[in-house]
Amino acid sequence: MKTEAATRLSIAIIMFVLASFMPNWWSISIVSFVGLYSLITGFIKLRKVDEDN
């Protein structure tokens, strides 16, 4: 479960870096939304892991 949370956080960072190189607003908004979703779910999963331990 902890590796899944770390993977989601890594995906979020990659998405935000990719969004900084995108040429138009549509692609920036979609990639940023996916990155934000990954970031939020990654933190939620890390929180659940910490509560279980």
N, C-alpha and C. Protein backbone atom coordinates (compact mmCIF):
# COMPACT_ATOMS: atom_id res chain seq x y z
N MET A 1 0.83 -1.19 0.00
CA MET A 1 0.00 0.00 0.00
C MET A 1 0.88 1.26 0.00
N LYS A 2 1.99 1.19 0.72
CA LYS A 2 2.88 2.34 0.76
C LYS A 2 3.55 2.57 -0.58
N THR A 3 3.86 1.49 -1.30
CA THR A 3 4.48 1.65 -2.62
C THR A 3 3.49 2.24 -3.61
N GLU A 4 2.21 1.89 -3.46
CA GLU A 4 1.19 2.48 -4.34
C GLU A 4 1.07 3.98 -4.10
N ALA A 5 1.13 4.39 -2.86
CA ALA A 5 1.07 5.81 -2.53
C ALA A 5 2.29 6.55 -3.08
N ALA A 6 3.45 5.93 -2.96
CA ALA A 6 4.66 6.56 -3.48
C ALA A 6 4.62 6.64 -5.00
N THR A 7 4.06 5.63 -5.64
CA THR A 7 3.91 5.66 -7.09
C THR A 7 2.99 6.77 -7.53
N ARG A 8 1.89 6.95 -6.82
CA ARG A 8 0.95 8.03 -7.17
C ARG A 8 1.59 9.40 -6.98
N LEU A 9 2.38 9.56 -5.95
CA LEU A 9 3.05 10.84 -5.74
C LEU A 9 4.09 11.09 -6.82
N SER A 10 4.77 10.04 -7.25
CA SER A 10 5.75 10.18 -8.33
C SER A 10 5.06 10.56 -9.64
N ILE A 11 3.92 9.94 -9.90
CA ILE A 11 3.15 10.28 -11.10
C ILE A 11 2.71 11.73 -11.06
N ALA A 12 2.30 12.20 -9.88
CA ALA A 12 1.87 13.59 -9.75
C ALA A 12 3.01 14.55 -10.08
N ILE A 13 4.19 14.25 -9.59
CA ILE A 13 5.34 15.12 -9.87
C ILE A 13 5.67 15.11 -11.36
N ILE A 14 5.63 13.94 -11.97
CA ILE A 14 5.91 13.84 -13.41
C ILE A 14 4.87 14.62 -14.21
N MET A 15 3.60 14.54 -13.82
CA MET A 15 2.54 15.26 -14.53
C MET A 15 2.72 16.77 -14.43
N PHE A 16 3.10 17.25 -13.25
CA PHE A 16 3.29 18.69 -13.10
C PHE A 16 4.50 19.18 -13.90
N VAL A 17 5.53 18.36 -13.99
CA VAL A 17 6.69 18.74 -14.81
C VAL A 17 6.30 18.74 -16.28
N LEU A 18 5.56 17.73 -16.72
CA LEU A 18 5.11 17.70 -18.10
C LEU A 18 4.21 18.88 -18.44
N ALA A 19 3.37 19.27 -17.50
CA ALA A 19 2.46 20.39 -17.75
C ALA A 19 3.22 21.69 -17.97
N SER A 20 4.39 21.81 -17.39
CA SER A 20 5.15 23.04 -17.56
C SER A 20 5.71 23.18 -18.98
N PHE A 21 5.76 22.07 -19.73
CA PHE A 21 6.27 22.11 -21.10
C PHE A 21 5.17 22.04 -22.16
N MET A 22 3.92 22.01 -21.75
CA MET A 22 2.82 21.88 -22.70
C MET A 22 2.58 23.21 -23.43
N PRO A 23 2.20 23.13 -24.71
CA PRO A 23 2.05 24.35 -25.50
C PRO A 23 0.72 25.07 -25.34
N ASN A 24 -0.37 24.34 -25.07
CA ASN A 24 -1.66 25.03 -25.01
C ASN A 24 -2.37 24.77 -23.68
N TRP A 25 -3.40 25.56 -23.40
CA TRP A 25 -4.07 25.51 -22.10
C TRP A 25 -4.88 24.25 -21.89
N TRP A 26 -5.42 23.67 -22.98
CA TRP A 26 -6.20 22.44 -22.82
C TRP A 26 -5.33 21.31 -22.30
N SER A 27 -4.18 21.13 -22.87
CA SER A 27 -3.31 20.04 -22.42
C SER A 27 -2.77 20.32 -21.02
N ILE A 28 -2.47 21.59 -20.74
CA ILE A 28 -1.99 21.93 -19.38
C ILE A 28 -3.06 21.61 -18.34
N SER A 29 -4.31 21.97 -18.63
CA SER A 29 -5.37 21.74 -17.64
C SER A 29 -5.64 20.25 -17.43
N ILE A 30 -5.62 19.47 -18.51
CA ILE A 30 -5.88 18.04 -18.36
C ILE A 30 -4.75 17.35 -17.61
N VAL A 31 -3.51 17.64 -17.97
CA VAL A 31 -2.37 17.02 -17.31
C VAL A 31 -2.28 17.48 -15.85
N SER A 32 -2.58 18.73 -15.59
CA SER A 32 -2.55 19.22 -14.21
C SER A 32 -3.66 18.59 -13.38
N PHE A 33 -4.82 18.37 -13.98
CA PHE A 33 -5.92 17.72 -13.26
C PHE A 33 -5.54 16.29 -12.88
N VAL A 34 -4.95 15.56 -13.81
CA VAL A 34 -4.51 14.19 -13.52
C VAL A 34 -3.43 14.19 -12.43
N GLY A 35 -2.51 15.16 -12.52
CA GLY A 35 -1.47 15.27 -11.50
C GLY A 35 -2.04 15.60 -10.13
N LEU A 36 -3.02 16.50 -10.10
CA LEU A 36 -3.66 16.87 -8.83
C LEU A 36 -4.40 15.68 -8.23
N TYR A 37 -5.09 14.92 -9.08
CA TYR A 37 -5.78 13.72 -8.62
C TYR A 37 -4.80 12.71 -8.03
N SER A 38 -3.69 12.51 -8.71
CA SER A 38 -2.67 11.57 -8.21
C SER A 38 -2.07 12.05 -6.89
N LEU A 39 -1.86 13.35 -6.79
CA LEU A 39 -1.30 13.91 -5.57
C LEU A 39 -2.24 13.72 -4.39
N ILE A 40 -3.51 14.02 -4.59
CA ILE A 40 -4.49 13.90 -3.50
C ILE A 40 -4.66 12.45 -3.09
N THR A 41 -4.82 11.55 -4.06
CA THR A 41 -5.02 10.15 -3.70
C THR A 41 -3.75 9.54 -3.09
N GLY A 42 -2.59 10.01 -3.52
CA GLY A 42 -1.35 9.53 -2.91
C GLY A 42 -1.25 9.92 -1.45
N PHE A 43 -1.59 11.17 -1.14
CA PHE A 43 -1.56 11.61 0.25
C PHE A 43 -2.60 10.89 1.09
N ILE A 44 -3.77 10.62 0.53
CA ILE A 44 -4.81 9.89 1.26
C ILE A 44 -4.34 8.48 1.57
N LYS A 45 -3.71 7.82 0.59
CA LYS A 45 -3.21 6.46 0.83
C LYS A 45 -2.09 6.45 1.86
N LEU A 46 -1.20 7.44 1.81
CA LEU A 46 -0.14 7.52 2.83
C LEU A 46 -0.72 7.74 4.21
N ARG A 47 -1.76 8.53 4.29
CA ARG A 47 -2.41 8.78 5.58
C ARG A 47 -3.03 7.50 6.14
N LYS A 48 -3.67 6.71 5.25
CA LYS A 48 -4.26 5.44 5.69
C LYS A 48 -3.19 4.47 6.17
N VAL A 49 -2.04 4.45 5.49
CA VAL A 49 -0.94 3.57 5.91
C VAL A 49 -0.42 3.99 7.27
N ASP A 50 -0.29 5.30 7.50
CA ASP A 50 0.19 5.78 8.79
C ASP A 50 -0.81 5.49 9.90
N GLU A 51 -2.11 5.57 9.61
CA GLU A 51 -3.11 5.29 10.63
C GLU A 51 -3.15 3.80 10.98
N ASP A 52 -2.88 2.94 9.99
CA ASP A 52 -2.90 1.50 10.24
C ASP A 52 -1.71 1.06 11.09
N ASN A 53 -0.60 1.78 11.00
CA ASN A 53 0.59 1.42 11.77
C ASN A 53 0.57 2.10 13.05
